[in-house]
C-alpha atoms as a PDB file:
ATOM      1  CA  MET A   1      28.423  23.726  99.899  1.00  0.00           C
ATOM      2  CA  PRO A   2      25.430  21.509  98.997  1.00  0.00           C
ATOM      3  CA  ASP A   3      25.493  17.874 100.076  1.00  0.00           C
ATOM      4  CA  LEU A   4      25.196  15.663  96.967  1.00  0.00           C
ATOM      5  CA  VAL A   5      24.466  11.958  97.476  1.00  0.00           C
ATOM      6  CA  ILE A   6      24.163   9.408  94.671  1.00  0.00           C
ATOM      7  CA  ARG A   7      22.648   6.076  95.645  1.00  0.00           C
ATOM      8  CA  PRO A   8      20.829   3.147  94.047  1.00  0.00           C
ATOM      9  CA  LEU A   9      17.095   3.534  93.643  1.00  0.00           C
ATOM     10  CA  GLU A  10      15.059   2.070  96.477  1.00  0.00           C
ATOM     11  CA  LYS A  11      11.438   0.909  96.458  1.00  0.00           C
ATOM     12  CA  SER A  12      10.557   3.839  98.723  1.00  0.00           C
ATOM     13  CA  ASP A  13      11.710   6.252  95.969  1.00  0.00           C
ATOM     14  CA  HIS A  14       8.742   5.552  93.705  1.00  0.00           C
ATOM     15  CA  ALA A  15       7.105   9.001  93.952  1.00  0.00           C
ATOM     16  CA  ALA A  16      10.391  10.873  93.458  1.00  0.00           C
ATOM     17  CA  TRP A  17      11.416   8.560  90.612  1.00  0.00           C
ATOM     18  CA  ARG A  18       8.077   9.021  88.874  1.00  0.00           C
ATOM     19  CA  GLU A  19       8.260  12.803  89.150  1.00  0.00           C
ATOM     20  CA  LEU A  20      11.822  12.943  87.796  1.00  0.00           C
ATOM     21  CA  TRP A  21      11.237  10.429  85.003  1.00  0.00           C
ATOM     22  CA  THR A  22       8.065  12.278  83.966  1.00  0.00           C
ATOM     23  CA  ALA A  23      10.080  15.517  83.806  1.00  0.00           C
ATOM     24  CA  TYR A  24      12.707  13.722  81.682  1.00  0.00           C
ATOM     25  CA  LEU A  25      10.046  12.433  79.284  1.00  0.00           C
ATOM     26  CA  THR A  26       8.480  15.902  79.125  1.00  0.00           C
ATOM     27  CA  PHE A  27      11.882  17.371  78.241  1.00  0.00           C
ATOM     28  CA  TYR A  28      11.953  15.023  75.234  1.00  0.00           C
ATOM     29  CA  GLU A  29       8.332  15.937  74.425  1.00  0.00           C
ATOM     30  CA  THR A  30       6.970  12.453  74.935  1.00  0.00           C
ATOM     31  CA  GLU A  31       4.573  10.621  77.217  1.00  0.00           C
ATOM     32  CA  LYS A  32       4.343   6.991  78.229  1.00  0.00           C
ATOM     33  CA  PRO A  33       1.250   5.060  79.269  1.00  0.00           C
ATOM     34  CA  GLU A  34       0.789   3.922  82.840  1.00  0.00           C
ATOM     35  CA  GLU A  35       1.710   0.373  81.801  1.00  0.00           C
ATOM     36  CA  VAL A  36       5.215   1.550  80.829  1.00  0.00           C
ATOM     37  CA  TYR A  37       5.673   3.381  84.141  1.00  0.00           C
ATOM     38  CA  ALA A  38       4.598   0.293  86.099  1.00  0.00           C
ATOM     39  CA  THR A  39       6.670  -2.134  84.038  1.00  0.00           C
ATOM     40  CA  THR A  40       9.779   0.049  84.130  1.00  0.00           C
ATOM     41  CA  TRP A  41       9.534   0.481  87.896  1.00  0.00           C
ATOM     42  CA  GLU A  42       9.146  -3.278  88.350  1.00  0.00           C
ATOM     43  CA  ARG A  43      12.086  -4.035  86.047  1.00  0.00           C
ATOM     44  CA  LEU A  44      14.353  -1.677  87.998  1.00  0.00           C
ATOM     45  CA  PHE A  45      14.063  -4.095  90.930  1.00  0.00           C
ATOM     46  CA  THR A  46      13.882  -7.410  89.067  1.00  0.00           C
ATOM     47  CA  PRO A  47      16.961  -9.590  89.580  1.00  0.00           C
ATOM     48  CA  GLY A  48      18.806 -10.431  86.399  1.00  0.00           C
ATOM     49  CA  GLU A  49      21.988  -9.608  84.567  1.00  0.00           C
ATOM     50  CA  TYR A  50      20.288  -7.591  81.824  1.00  0.00           C
ATOM     51  CA  GLU A  51      17.533  -5.825  83.755  1.00  0.00           C
ATOM     52  CA  PRO A  52      17.753  -2.028  84.015  1.00  0.00           C
ATOM     53  CA  ARG A  53      19.057  -0.411  87.182  1.00  0.00           C
ATOM     54  CA  GLY A  54      19.009   3.137  88.456  1.00  0.00           C
ATOM     55  CA  PHE A  55      20.560   5.715  90.724  1.00  0.00           C
ATOM     56  CA  LEU A  56      18.913   8.656  92.434  1.00  0.00           C
ATOM     57  CA  ALA A  57      20.680  11.957  93.140  1.00  0.00           C
ATOM     58  CA  LEU A  58      19.841  13.762  96.376  1.00  0.00           C
ATOM     59  CA  LEU A  59      20.939  17.348  96.883  1.00  0.00           C
ATOM     60  CA  ASP A  60      20.640  18.373 100.522  1.00  0.00           C
ATOM     61  CA  GLY A  61      18.280  15.404 100.939  1.00  0.00           C
ATOM     62  CA  ARG A  62      15.980  16.365  98.035  1.00  0.00           C
ATOM     63  CA  PRO A  63      15.687  14.064  94.976  1.00  0.00           C
ATOM     64  CA  VAL A  64      16.986  16.095  92.028  1.00  0.00           C
ATOM     65  CA  GLY A  65      18.261  13.595  89.463  1.00  0.00           C
ATOM     66  CA  LEU A  66      18.107  10.072  88.161  1.00  0.00           C
ATOM     67  CA  VAL A  67      19.807   7.747  85.759  1.00  0.00           C
ATOM     68  CA  HIS A  68      18.801   4.389  84.301  1.00  0.00           C
ATOM     69  CA  TYR A  69      21.364   1.987  82.858  1.00  0.00           C
ATOM     70  CA  MET A  70      21.572  -1.599  81.662  1.00  0.00           C
ATOM     71  CA  ASP A  71      24.177  -4.102  80.581  1.00  0.00           C
ATOM     72  CA  HIS A  72      24.094  -5.971  77.305  1.00  0.00           C
ATOM     73  CA  ARG A  73      26.251  -8.418  75.432  1.00  0.00           C
ATOM     74  CA  THR A  74      28.440  -7.350  72.533  1.00  0.00           C
ATOM     75  CA  THR A  75      30.305  -9.085  69.737  1.00  0.00           C
ATOM     76  CA  TRP A  76      33.318  -6.808  70.203  1.00  0.00           C
ATOM     77  CA  THR A  77      34.479  -7.923  73.656  1.00  0.00           C
ATOM     78  CA  VAL A  78      33.996 -10.720  76.145  1.00  0.00           C
ATOM     79  CA  ALA A  79      32.784  -8.230  78.758  1.00  0.00           C
ATOM     80  CA  ASN A  80      29.334  -6.691  78.414  1.00  0.00           C
ATOM     81  CA  ASN A  81      28.664  -3.068  77.507  1.00  0.00           C
ATOM     82  CA  CYS A  82      26.695  -0.715  79.734  1.00  0.00           C
ATOM     83  CA  TYR A  83      24.095   1.537  78.147  1.00  0.00           C
ATOM     84  CA  LEU A  84      23.213   4.656  80.119  1.00  0.00           C
ATOM     85  CA  GLN A  85      19.655   5.118  78.918  1.00  0.00           C
ATOM     86  CA  ASP A  86      18.060   8.003  80.804  1.00  0.00           C
ATOM     87  CA  LEU A  87      19.845  10.834  82.603  1.00  0.00           C
ATOM     88  CA  PHE A  88      17.968  13.751  84.118  1.00  0.00           C
ATOM     89  CA  THR A  89      18.715  16.585  86.514  1.00  0.00           C
ATOM     90  CA  ALA A  90      15.912  18.823  87.755  1.00  0.00           C
ATOM     91  CA  PRO A  91      16.317  22.375  86.392  1.00  0.00           C
ATOM     92  CA  GLU A  92      16.836  23.883  89.847  1.00  0.00           C
ATOM     93  CA  ALA A  93      19.830  21.578  90.464  1.00  0.00           C
ATOM     94  CA  ARG A  94      21.612  22.008  87.132  1.00  0.00           C
ATOM     95  CA  GLY A  95      25.172  23.223  87.444  1.00  0.00           C
ATOM     96  CA  ALA A  96      25.639  21.524  90.824  1.00  0.00           C
ATOM     97  CA  GLY A  97      27.477  18.488  89.417  1.00  0.00           C
ATOM     98  CA  VAL A  98      24.478  16.145  89.563  1.00  0.00           C
ATOM     99  CA  GLY A  99      24.725  14.873  85.978  1.00  0.00           C
ATOM    100  CA  ALA A 100      28.469  14.263  86.189  1.00  0.00           C
ATOM    101  CA  ALA A 101      28.034  12.463  89.518  1.00  0.00           C
ATOM    102  CA  LEU A 102      25.296  10.220  88.113  1.00  0.00           C
ATOM    103  CA  ILE A 103      27.455   9.341  85.080  1.00  0.00           C
ATOM    104  CA  ALA A 104      30.402   8.608  87.384  1.00  0.00           C
ATOM    105  CA  ALA A 105      28.205   6.353  89.540  1.00  0.00           C
ATOM    106  CA  VAL A 106      27.190   4.329  86.477  1.00  0.00           C
ATOM    107  CA  GLY A 107      30.843   4.116  85.401  1.00  0.00           C
ATOM    108  CA  LYS A 108      31.905   2.903  88.838  1.00  0.00           C
ATOM    109  CA  ALA A 109      29.092   0.335  89.000  1.00  0.00           C
ATOM    110  CA  ALA A 110      29.975  -0.924  85.517  1.00  0.00           C
ATOM    111  CA  ALA A 111      33.671  -1.180  86.391  1.00  0.00           C
ATOM    112  CA  GLY A 112      32.696  -3.244  89.425  1.00  0.00           C
ATOM    113  CA  ARG A 113      31.139  -5.727  87.004  1.00  0.00           C
ATOM    114  CA  GLY A 114      34.231  -5.725  84.750  1.00  0.00           C
ATOM    115  CA  ILE A 115      32.664  -3.422  82.140  1.00  0.00           C
ATOM    116  CA  THR A 116      34.794  -0.697  80.592  1.00  0.00           C
ATOM    117  CA  ASN A 117      32.445   0.520  77.841  1.00  0.00           C
ATOM    118  CA  VAL A 118      29.688   2.795  79.166  1.00  0.00           C
ATOM    119  CA  TYR A 119      27.891   4.743  76.458  1.00  0.00           C
ATOM    120  CA  TRP A 120      24.781   6.852  75.870  1.00  0.00           C
ATOM    121  CA  MET A 121      22.989   9.018  73.344  1.00  0.00           C
ATOM    122  CA  THR A 122      21.407  12.447  73.417  1.00  0.00           C
ATOM    123  CA  HIS A 123      19.581  14.565  70.917  1.00  0.00           C
ATOM    124  CA  GLU A 124      21.824  16.764  68.792  1.00  0.00           C
ATOM    125  CA  THR A 125      19.931  19.856  69.989  1.00  0.00           C
ATOM    126  CA  ASN A 126      20.581  19.122  73.682  1.00  0.00           C
ATOM    127  CA  ALA A 127      23.427  21.644  73.879  1.00  0.00           C
ATOM    128  CA  THR A 128      23.434  21.934  77.675  1.00  0.00           C
ATOM    129  CA  ALA A 129      23.869  18.202  78.220  1.00  0.00           C
ATOM    130  CA  ARG A 130      26.366  17.937  75.372  1.00  0.00           C
ATOM    131  CA  ARG A 131      28.674  20.434  77.122  1.00  0.00           C
ATOM    132  CA  LEU A 132      28.765  18.079  80.106  1.00  0.00           C
ATOM    133  CA  TYR A 133      29.174  14.984  77.935  1.00  0.00           C
ATOM    134  CA  ASP A 134      32.039  16.559  75.998  1.00  0.00           C
ATOM    135  CA  ARG A 135      33.764  17.203  79.322  1.00  0.00           C
ATOM    136  CA  VAL A 136      33.355  13.714  80.837  1.00  0.00           C
ATOM    137  CA  ALA A 137      33.379  11.427  77.786  1.00  0.00           C
ATOM    138  CA  LYS A 138      34.508  11.119  74.187  1.00  0.00           C
ATOM    139  CA  HIS A 139      32.153  11.457  71.228  1.00  0.00           C
ATOM    140  CA  HIS A 140      33.009   8.797  68.664  1.00  0.00           C
ATOM    141  CA  GLY A 141      30.973  10.270  65.801  1.00  0.00           C
ATOM    142  CA  PHE A 142      28.327   7.569  65.462  1.00  0.00           C
ATOM    143  CA  ILE A 143      24.854   8.517  64.252  1.00  0.00           C
ATOM    144  CA  ARG A 144      21.786   6.572  65.381  1.00  0.00           C
ATOM    145  CA  TYR A 145      19.171   5.131  63.005  1.00  0.00           C
ATOM    146  CA  ASN A 146      15.841   3.438  63.810  1.00  0.00           C
ATOM    147  CA  LEU A 147      13.862   1.142  61.496  1.00  0.00           C
ATOM    148  CA  ALA A 148      10.592   2.661  62.624  1.00  0.00           C
END
């Protein structure tokens, strides 16, 4: 049975993080300039209540997945919400429980900060991920809109 480890991102993970995040962006058919890569990496290690954080998934010691998440205030509760922004599992590791383990790690970290609402979005055509999400979470029917 493969050894799956989920742990917080470390500064020494930069190359693995960059490779996985690039693959995630490619999946969504987008690219980001170098400035966004550099700023995002810096923010992942910047102290502050609302800065993004991340976990890395290692399968038999190999980096195969990542997740970014961040807390934000809400008008609906006293406690913050936690937004799971980016979740990616390398194709060769799909089906090994990586995505579910990364989601669980975010949920556990949020609960440790008193947060009970962890949420995320995916594209409606992402059927593979939606099968996982339907298993581990509840879809509340909201539709996203952007001004631009």
